[in-house]
């Protein structure tokens, strides 16, 4: 499982395609994003079953994903469980 695997999941979900966890292939994929008005921002994407995932930064957030304002870091953090993040 690599960062690129998780990036592929993000791209697939952003294009409204089905994607599975690159680690366990079981759980639903969850996400949380924060962005400016131009939808450039950061976020996390993870598997709800195994709690593996990746941090994404300076990415264009596809319109299908809800976002929080970048300034609302407390709200952003409340929605993210303890995840084992893959490193670059």
PDB file of N, CA and C in Angstrom:
ATOM      1  N   UNK A   1       0.842  -1.171   0.000  1.00  0.00           N
ATOM      2  CA  UNK A   1       0.000   0.000   0.000  1.00  0.00           C
ATOM      3  C   UNK A   1       0.887   1.233   0.000  1.00  0.00           C
ATOM      4  N   UNK A   2       0.707   2.073  -1.012  1.00  0.00           N
ATOM      5  CA  UNK A   2       1.528   3.264  -1.148  1.00  0.00           C
ATOM      6  C   UNK A   2       0.655   4.520  -1.170  1.00  0.00           C
ATOM      7  N   UNK A   3       1.315   5.656  -1.059  1.00  0.00           N
ATOM      8  CA  UNK A   3       0.610   6.927  -1.176  1.00  0.00           C
ATOM      9  C   UNK A   3      -0.083   7.003  -2.534  1.00  0.00           C
ATOM     10  N   UNK A   4       0.590   6.538  -3.572  1.00  0.00           N
ATOM     11  CA  UNK A   4       0.006   6.566  -4.920  1.00  0.00           C
ATOM     12  C   UNK A   4      -1.286   5.743  -4.983  1.00  0.00           C
ATOM     13  N   UNK A   5      -1.325   4.624  -4.272  1.00  0.00           N
ATOM     14  CA  UNK A   5      -2.550   3.819  -4.216  1.00  0.00           C
ATOM     15  C   UNK A   5      -3.718   4.630  -3.664  1.00  0.00           C
ATOM     16  N   UNK A   6      -3.444   5.382  -2.602  1.00  0.00           N
ATOM     17  CA  UNK A   6      -4.499   6.213  -2.010  1.00  0.00           C
ATOM     18  C   UNK A   6      -4.859   7.377  -2.913  1.00  0.00           C
ATOM     19  N   UNK A   7      -3.891   7.925  -3.600  1.00  0.00           N
ATOM     20  CA  UNK A   7      -4.178   8.991  -4.558  1.00  0.00           C
ATOM     21  C   UNK A   7      -5.088   8.465  -5.670  1.00  0.00           C
ATOM     22  N   UNK A   8      -4.861   7.247  -6.123  1.00  0.00           N
ATOM     23  CA  UNK A   8      -5.730   6.621  -7.123  1.00  0.00           C
ATOM     24  C   UNK A   8      -7.157   6.455  -6.601  1.00  0.00           C
ATOM     25  N   UNK A   9      -7.294   6.125  -5.323  1.00  0.00           N
ATOM     26  CA  UNK A   9      -8.627   6.026  -4.707  1.00  0.00           C
ATOM     27  C   UNK A   9      -9.307   7.388  -4.740  1.00  0.00           C
ATOM     28  N   UNK A  10      -8.600   8.435  -4.350  1.00  0.00           N
ATOM     29  CA  UNK A  10      -9.137   9.795  -4.370  1.00  0.00           C
ATOM     30  C   UNK A  10      -9.582  10.184  -5.782  1.00  0.00           C
ATOM     31  N   UNK A  11      -8.766   9.904  -6.774  1.00  0.00           N
ATOM     32  CA  UNK A  11      -9.102  10.237  -8.159  1.00  0.00           C
ATOM     33  C   UNK A  11     -10.343   9.464  -8.611  1.00  0.00           C
ATOM     34  N   UNK A  12     -10.401   8.184  -8.284  1.00  0.00           N
ATOM     35  CA  UNK A  12     -11.562   7.367  -8.677  1.00  0.00           C
ATOM     36  C   UNK A  12     -12.843   7.885  -8.029  1.00  0.00           C
ATOM     37  N   UNK A  13     -12.803   8.146  -6.734  1.00  0.00           N
ATOM     38  CA  UNK A  13     -13.997   8.633  -6.047  1.00  0.00           C
ATOM     39  C   UNK A  13     -14.399  10.008  -6.555  1.00  0.00           C
ATOM     40  N   UNK A  14     -13.418  10.849  -6.857  1.00  0.00           N
ATOM     41  CA  UNK A  14     -13.713  12.175  -7.397  1.00  0.00           C
ATOM     42  C   UNK A  14     -14.395  12.113  -8.751  1.00  0.00           C
ATOM     43  N   UNK A  15     -14.135  11.044  -9.498  1.00  0.00           N
ATOM     44  CA  UNK A  15     -14.763  10.832 -10.807  1.00  0.00           C
ATOM     45  C   UNK A  15     -16.043  10.005 -10.668  1.00  0.00           C
ATOM     46  N   UNK A  16     -16.500   9.798  -9.422  1.00  0.00           N
ATOM     47  CA  UNK A  16     -17.712   9.056  -9.129  1.00  0.00           C
ATOM     48  C   UNK A  16     -17.624   7.591  -9.557  1.00  0.00           C
ATOM     49  N   UNK A  17     -16.413   7.039  -9.426  1.00  0.00           N
ATOM     50  CA  UNK A  17     -16.207   5.613  -9.698  1.00  0.00           C
ATOM     51  C   UNK A  17     -16.056   4.873  -8.371  1.00  0.00           C
ATOM     52  N   UNK A  18     -16.251   3.595  -8.402  1.00  0.00           N
ATOM     53  CA  UNK A  18     -16.104   2.755  -7.211  1.00  0.00           C
ATOM     54  C   UNK A  18     -14.620   2.573  -6.916  1.00  0.00           C
ATOM     55  N   UNK A  19     -14.262   2.628  -5.652  1.00  0.00           N
ATOM     56  CA  UNK A  19     -12.873   2.396  -5.239  1.00  0.00           C
ATOM     57  C   UNK A  19     -12.894   1.595  -3.943  1.00  0.00           C
ATOM     58  N   UNK A  20     -11.907   0.740  -3.784  1.00  0.00           N
ATOM     59  CA  UNK A  20     -11.788  -0.051  -2.565  1.00  0.00           C
ATOM     60  C   UNK A  20     -10.484   0.294  -1.859  1.00  0.00           C
ATOM     61  N   UNK A  21     -10.408  -0.095  -0.622  1.00  0.00           N
ATOM     62  CA  UNK A  21      -9.218   0.156   0.182  1.00  0.00           C
ATOM     63  C   UNK A  21      -8.023  -0.592  -0.417  1.00  0.00           C
ATOM     64  N   UNK A  22      -6.915   0.109  -0.650  1.00  0.00           N
ATOM     65  CA  UNK A  22      -5.728  -0.575  -1.177  1.00  0.00           C
ATOM     66  C   UNK A  22      -5.026  -1.452  -0.139  1.00  0.00           C
ATOM     67  N   UNK A  23      -5.456  -1.353   1.111  1.00  0.00           N
ATOM     68  CA  UNK A  23      -4.854  -2.183   2.150  1.00  0.00           C
ATOM     69  C   UNK A  23      -5.659  -3.467   2.372  1.00  0.00           C
ATOM     70  N   UNK A  24      -6.966  -3.345   2.653  1.00  0.00           N
ATOM     71  CA  UNK A  24      -7.754  -4.524   3.018  1.00  0.00           C
ATOM     72  C   UNK A  24      -8.839  -4.887   2.003  1.00  0.00           C
ATOM     73  N   UNK A  25      -9.164  -3.978   1.103  1.00  0.00           N
ATOM     74  CA  UNK A  25     -10.200  -4.183   0.075  1.00  0.00           C
ATOM     75  C   UNK A  25     -11.590  -4.466   0.651  1.00  0.00           C
ATOM     76  N   UNK A  26     -11.823  -4.084   1.916  1.00  0.00           N
ATOM     77  CA  UNK A  26     -13.103  -4.401   2.555  1.00  0.00           C
ATOM     78  C   UNK A  26     -13.971  -3.177   2.797  1.00  0.00           C
ATOM     79  N   UNK A  27     -13.445  -2.283   3.589  1.00  0.00           N
ATOM     80  CA  UNK A  27     -14.284  -1.260   4.176  1.00  0.00           C
ATOM     81  C   UNK A  27     -14.670  -0.127   3.258  1.00  0.00           C
ATOM     82  N   UNK A  28     -15.715   0.564   3.638  1.00  0.00           N
ATOM     83  CA  UNK A  28     -16.062   1.764   2.877  1.00  0.00           C
ATOM     84  C   UNK A  28     -14.972   2.824   3.056  1.00  0.00           C
ATOM     85  N   UNK A  29     -14.781   3.602   2.024  1.00  0.00           N
ATOM     86  CA  UNK A  29     -13.802   4.687   2.058  1.00  0.00           C
ATOM     87  C   UNK A  29     -14.504   5.945   2.558  1.00  0.00           C
ATOM     88  N   UNK A  30     -13.891   6.598   3.500  1.00  0.00           N
ATOM     89  CA  UNK A  30     -14.400   7.859   4.056  1.00  0.00           C
ATOM     90  C   UNK A  30     -13.412   8.962   3.729  1.00  0.00           C
ATOM     91  N   UNK A  31     -13.866  10.202   3.844  1.00  0.00           N
ATOM     92  CA  UNK A  31     -12.995  11.338   3.568  1.00  0.00           C
ATOM     93  C   UNK A  31     -13.457  12.558   4.346  1.00  0.00           C
ATOM     94  N   UNK A  32     -12.549  13.499   4.454  1.00  0.00           N
ATOM     95  CA  UNK A  32     -12.829  14.797   5.082  1.00  0.00           C
ATOM     96  C   UNK A  32     -11.926  15.798   4.395  1.00  0.00           C
ATOM     97  N   UNK A  33     -12.510  16.894   3.892  1.00  0.00           N
ATOM     98  CA  UNK A  33     -11.736  17.904   3.164  1.00  0.00           C
ATOM     99  C   UNK A  33     -12.049  19.300   3.655  1.00  0.00           C
ATOM    100  N   UNK A  34     -11.049  20.150   3.575  1.00  0.00           N
ATOM    101  CA  UNK A  34     -11.193  21.578   3.843  1.00  0.00           C
ATOM    102  C   UNK A  34     -10.606  22.313   2.648  1.00  0.00           C
ATOM    103  N   UNK A  35     -11.279  23.393   2.238  1.00  0.00           N
ATOM    104  CA  UNK A  35     -10.823  24.099   1.036  1.00  0.00           C
ATOM    105  C   UNK A  35     -11.214  25.570   1.077  1.00  0.00           C
ATOM    106  N   UNK A  36     -10.495  26.349   0.273  1.00  0.00           N
ATOM    107  CA  UNK A  36     -10.862  27.737   0.021  1.00  0.00           C
ATOM    108  C   UNK A  36     -11.988  27.771  -1.006  1.00  0.00           C
ATOM    109  N   UNK A  37     -12.440  28.957  -1.355  1.00  0.00           N
ATOM    110  CA  UNK A  37     -13.506  29.110  -2.350  1.00  0.00           C
ATOM    111  C   UNK A  37     -13.141  28.514  -3.704  1.00  0.00           C
ATOM    112  N   UNK A  38     -11.855  28.451  -4.009  1.00  0.00           N
ATOM    113  CA  UNK A  38     -11.423  27.881  -5.293  1.00  0.00           C
ATOM    114  C   UNK A  38     -11.322  26.359  -5.258  1.00  0.00           C
ATOM    115  N   UNK A  39     -11.704  25.763  -4.116  1.00  0.00           N
ATOM    116  CA  UNK A  39     -11.710  24.311  -3.897  1.00  0.00           C
ATOM    117  C   UNK A  39     -10.318  23.688  -3.893  1.00  0.00           C
ATOM    118  N   UNK A  40      -9.289  24.508  -3.665  1.00  0.00           N
ATOM    119  CA  UNK A  40      -7.948  23.986  -3.426  1.00  0.00           C
ATOM    120  C   UNK A  40      -7.806  23.860  -1.918  1.00  0.00           C
ATOM    121  N   UNK A  41      -7.385  22.670  -1.477  1.00  0.00           N
ATOM    122  CA  UNK A  41      -7.314  22.480  -0.049  1.00  0.00           C
ATOM    123  C   UNK A  41      -6.566  21.226   0.354  1.00  0.00           C
ATOM    124  N   UNK A  42      -6.977  20.681   1.487  1.00  0.00           N
ATOM    125  CA  UNK A  42      -6.316  19.504   2.042  1.00  0.00           C
ATOM    126  C   UNK A  42      -7.382  18.582   2.609  1.00  0.00           C
ATOM    127  N   UNK A  43      -6.961  17.372   2.918  1.00  0.00           N
ATOM    128  CA  UNK A  43      -7.905  16.448   3.514  1.00  0.00           C
ATOM    129  C   UNK A  43      -7.274  15.121   3.848  1.00  0.00           C
ATOM    130  N   UNK A  44      -8.123  14.235   4.298  1.00  0.00           N
ATOM    131  CA  UNK A  44      -7.698  12.876   4.579  1.00  0.00           C
ATOM    132  C   UNK A  44      -8.717  11.934   3.951  1.00  0.00           C
ATOM    133  N   UNK A  45      -8.238  10.777   3.565  1.00  0.00           N
ATOM    134  CA  UNK A  45      -9.069   9.726   3.003  1.00  0.00           C
ATOM    135  C   UNK A  45      -8.651   8.444   3.704  1.00  0.00           C
ATOM    136  N   UNK A  46      -9.640   7.621   4.133  1.00  0.00           N
ATOM    137  CA  UNK A  46      -9.292   6.443   4.907  1.00  0.00           C
ATOM    138  C   UNK A  46     -10.331   5.344   4.719  1.00  0.00           C
ATOM    139  N   UNK A  47      -9.925   4.157   5.116  1.00  0.00           N
ATOM    140  CA  UNK A  47     -10.803   2.989   5.102  1.00  0.00           C
ATOM    141  C   UNK A  47     -11.428   2.860   6.483  1.00  0.00           C
ATOM    142  N   UNK A  48     -12.733   2.768   6.513  1.00  0.00           N
ATOM    143  CA  UNK A  48     -13.422   2.646   7.795  1.00  0.00           C
ATOM    144  C   UNK A  48     -13.157   1.299   8.471  1.00  0.00           C
ATOM    145  N   UNK A  49     -12.858   0.260   7.698  1.00  0.00           N
ATOM    146  CA  UNK A  49     -12.630  -1.073   8.271  1.00  0.00           C
ATOM    147  C   UNK A  49     -11.262  -1.208   8.927  1.00  0.00           C
ATOM    148  N   UNK A  50     -10.206  -0.804   8.229  1.00  0.00           N
ATOM    149  CA  UNK A  50      -8.849  -1.024   8.760  1.00  0.00           C
ATOM    150  C   UNK A  50      -8.180   0.254   9.278  1.00  0.00           C
ATOM    151  N   UNK A  51      -8.815   1.391   9.082  1.00  0.00           N
ATOM    152  CA  UNK A  51      -8.310   2.703   9.525  1.00  0.00           C
ATOM    153  C   UNK A  51      -6.923   3.024   8.973  1.00  0.00           C
ATOM    154  N   UNK A  52      -6.660   2.582   7.758  1.00  0.00           N
ATOM    155  CA  UNK A  52      -5.469   2.998   7.019  1.00  0.00           C
ATOM    156  C   UNK A  52      -5.912   4.113   6.082  1.00  0.00           C
ATOM    157  N   UNK A  53      -5.005   5.032   5.761  1.00  0.00           N
ATOM    158  CA  UNK A  53      -5.391   6.119   4.878  1.00  0.00           C
ATOM    159  C   UNK A  53      -4.226   7.008   4.502  1.00  0.00           C
ATOM    160  N   UNK A  54      -4.560   8.165   3.940  1.00  0.00           N
ATOM    161  CA  UNK A  54      -3.534   9.101   3.475  1.00  0.00           C
ATOM    162  C   UNK A  54      -3.983  10.536   3.701  1.00  0.00           C
ATOM    163  N   UNK A  55      -3.001  11.384   3.924  1.00  0.00           N
ATOM    164  CA  UNK A  55      -3.214  12.836   3.970  1.00  0.00           C
ATOM    165  C   UNK A  55      -3.015  13.365   2.559  1.00  0.00           C
ATOM    166  N   UNK A  56      -3.880  14.259   2.147  1.00  0.00           N
ATOM    167  CA  UNK A  56      -3.752  14.902   0.840  1.00  0.00           C
ATOM    168  C   UNK A  56      -3.635  16.396   1.080  1.00  0.00           C
ATOM    169  N   UNK A  57      -2.693  17.024   0.415  1.00  0.00           N
ATOM    170  CA  UNK A  57      -2.553  18.475   0.599  1.00  0.00           C
ATOM    171  C   UNK A  57      -2.371  19.164  -0.747  1.00  0.00           C
ATOM    172  N   UNK A  58      -2.854  20.399  -0.778  1.00  0.00           N
ATOM    173  CA  UNK A  58      -2.794  21.231  -1.983  1.00  0.00           C
ATOM    174  C   UNK A  58      -3.354  20.488  -3.195  1.00  0.00           C
ATOM    175  N   UNK A  59      -4.561  19.947  -2.991  1.00  0.00           N
ATOM    176  CA  UNK A  59      -5.243  19.255  -4.079  1.00  0.00           C
ATOM    177  C   UNK A  59      -6.511  20.016  -4.438  1.00  0.00           C
ATOM    178  N   UNK A  60      -6.946  19.869  -5.679  1.00  0.00           N
ATOM    179  CA  UNK A  60      -8.232  20.425  -6.073  1.00  0.00           C
ATOM    180  C   UNK A  60      -9.286  19.412  -5.655  1.00  0.00           C
ATOM    181  N   UNK A  61     -10.210  19.853  -4.817  1.00  0.00           N
ATOM    182  CA  UNK A  61     -11.244  18.981  -4.286  1.00  0.00           C
ATOM    183  C   UNK A  61     -12.388  18.921  -5.305  1.00  0.00           C
ATOM    184  N   UNK A  62     -12.677  17.740  -5.842  1.00  0.00           N
ATOM    185  CA  UNK A  62     -13.784  17.623  -6.796  1.00  0.00           C
ATOM    186  C   UNK A  62     -15.105  18.104  -6.189  1.00  0.00           C
ATOM    187  N   UNK A  63     -15.986  18.601  -7.035  1.00  0.00           N
ATOM    188  CA  UNK A  63     -17.250  19.169  -6.581  1.00  0.00           C
ATOM    189  C   UNK A  63     -18.125  18.172  -5.826  1.00  0.00           C
ATOM    190  N   UNK A  64     -17.968  16.898  -6.085  1.00  0.00           N
ATOM    191  CA  UNK A  64     -18.834  15.907  -5.424  1.00  0.00           C
ATOM    192  C   UNK A  64     -18.521  15.749  -3.938  1.00  0.00           C
ATOM    193  N   UNK A  65     -17.357  16.227  -3.482  1.00  0.00           N
ATOM    194  CA  UNK A  65     -16.990  16.146  -2.074  1.00  0.00           C
ATOM    195  C   UNK A  65     -17.408  17.417  -1.345  1.00  0.00           C
ATOM    196  N   UNK A  66     -18.059  17.242  -0.201  1.00  0.00           N
ATOM    197  CA  UNK A  66     -18.331  18.393   0.667  1.00  0.00           C
ATOM    198  C   UNK A  66     -17.017  18.848   1.279  1.00  0.00           C
ATOM    199  N   UNK A  67     -16.914  20.137   1.545  1.00  0.00           N
ATOM    200  CA  UNK A  67     -15.707  20.676   2.182  1.00  0.00           C
ATOM    201  C   UNK A  67     -16.088  21.562   3.355  1.00  0.00           C
ATOM    202  N   UNK A  68     -15.152  21.698   4.251  1.00  0.00           N
ATOM    203  CA  UNK A  68     -15.245  22.663   5.342  1.00  0.00           C
ATOM    204  C   UNK A  68     -14.335  23.829   5.012  1.00  0.00           C
ATOM    205  N   UNK A  69     -14.567  24.998   5.596  1.00  0.00           N
ATOM    206  CA  UNK A  69     -13.622  26.102   5.400  1.00  0.00           C
ATOM    207  C   UNK A  69     -12.258  25.741   5.988  1.00  0.00           C
ATOM    208  N   UNK A  70     -11.196  26.148   5.329  1.00  0.00           N
ATOM    209  CA  UNK A  70      -9.841  25.862   5.819  1.00  0.00           C
ATOM    210  C   UNK A  70      -9.645  26.410   7.231  1.00  0.00           C
ATOM    211  N   UNK A  71     -10.301  27.503   7.543  1.00  0.00           N
ATOM    212  CA  UNK A  71     -10.132  28.127   8.860  1.00  0.00           C
ATOM    213  C   UNK A  71     -10.776  27.322   9.995  1.00  0.00           C
ATOM    214  N   UNK A  72     -11.602  26.335   9.683  1.00  0.00           N
ATOM    215  CA  UNK A  72     -12.319  25.579  10.712  1.00  0.00           C
ATOM    216  C   UNK A  72     -11.627  24.253  11.016  1.00  0.00           C
ATOM    217  N   UNK A  73     -10.389  24.331  11.457  1.00  0.00           N
ATOM    218  CA  UNK A  73      -9.582  23.138  11.699  1.00  0.00           C
ATOM    219  C   UNK A  73     -10.141  22.276  12.838  1.00  0.00           C
ATOM    220  N   UNK A  74     -10.778  22.899  13.825  1.00  0.00           N
ATOM    221  CA  UNK A  74     -11.356  22.116  14.921  1.00  0.00           C
ATOM    222  C   UNK A  74     -12.478  21.218  14.420  1.00  0.00           C
ATOM    223  N   UNK A  75     -13.358  21.743  13.601  1.00  0.00           N
ATOM    224  CA  UNK A  75     -14.444  20.941  13.037  1.00  0.00           C
ATOM    225  C   UNK A  75     -13.880  19.849  12.134  1.00  0.00           C
ATOM    226  N   UNK A  76     -12.862  20.182  11.358  1.00  0.00           N
ATOM    227  CA  UNK A  76     -12.213  19.207  10.489  1.00  0.00           C
ATOM    228  C   UNK A  76     -11.686  18.038  11.312  1.00  0.00           C
ATOM    229  N   UNK A  77     -11.001  18.330  12.390  1.00  0.00           N
ATOM    230  CA  UNK A  77     -10.387  17.298  13.225  1.00  0.00           C
ATOM    231  C   UNK A  77     -11.416  16.421  13.919  1.00  0.00           C
ATOM    232  N   UNK A  78     -12.553  16.990  14.285  1.00  0.00           N
ATOM    233  CA  UNK A  78     -13.590  16.217  14.970  1.00  0.00           C
ATOM    234  C   UNK A  78     -14.127  15.072  14.108  1.00  0.00           C
ATOM    235  N   UNK A  79     -14.079  15.213  12.813  1.00  0.00           N
ATOM    236  CA  UNK A  79     -14.643  14.188  11.949  1.00  0.00           C
ATOM    237  C   UNK A  79     -13.679  13.106  11.513  1.00  0.00           C
ATOM    238  N   UNK A  80     -12.461  13.128  12.049  1.00  0.00           N
ATOM    239  CA  UNK A  80     -11.440  12.176  11.591  1.00  0.00           C
ATOM    240  C   UNK A  80     -11.019  11.267  12.742  1.00  0.00           C
ATOM    241  N   UNK A  81     -11.160   9.943  12.578  1.00  0.00           N
ATOM    242  CA  UNK A  81     -10.710   9.026  13.633  1.00  0.00           C
ATOM    243  C   UNK A  81      -9.182   8.918  13.661  1.00  0.00           C
ATOM    244  N   UNK A  82      -8.675   8.125  14.561  1.00  0.00           N
ATOM    245  CA  UNK A  82      -7.240   7.873  14.616  1.00  0.00           C
ATOM    246  C   UNK A  82      -6.866   6.933  13.460  1.00  0.00           C
ATOM    247  N   UNK A  83      -6.113   7.455  12.499  1.00  0.00           N
ATOM    248  CA  UNK A  83      -5.817   6.738  11.272  1.00  0.00           C
ATOM    249  C   UNK A  83      -4.324   6.444  11.197  1.00  0.00           C
ATOM    250  N   UNK A  84      -3.996   5.279  10.678  1.00  0.00           N
ATOM    251  CA  UNK A  84      -2.607   4.932  10.371  1.00  0.00           C
ATOM    252  C   UNK A  84      -2.339   5.422   8.955  1.00  0.00           C
ATOM    253  N   UNK A  85      -1.674   6.576   8.853  1.00  0.00           N
ATOM    254  CA  UNK A  85      -1.433   7.205   7.548  1.00  0.00           C
ATOM    255  C   UNK A  85      -0.231   6.615   6.841  1.00  0.00           C
ATOM    256  N   UNK A  86      -0.383   6.364   5.550  1.00  0.00           N
ATOM    257  CA  UNK A  86       0.734   5.966   4.716  1.00  0.00           C
ATOM    258  C   UNK A  86       1.576   7.213   4.472  1.00  0.00           C
ATOM    259  N   UNK A  87       2.866   7.061   4.406  1.00  0.00           N
ATOM    260  CA  UNK A  87       3.754   8.190   4.132  1.00  0.00           C
ATOM    261  C   UNK A  87       4.082   8.231   2.649  1.00  0.00           C
ATOM    262  N   UNK A  88       4.507   9.384   2.180  1.00  0.00           N
ATOM    263  CA  UNK A  88       4.843   9.565   0.751  1.00  0.00           C
ATOM    264  C   UNK A  88       5.848   8.568   0.264  1.00  0.00           C
TER     265      UNK A  88
END
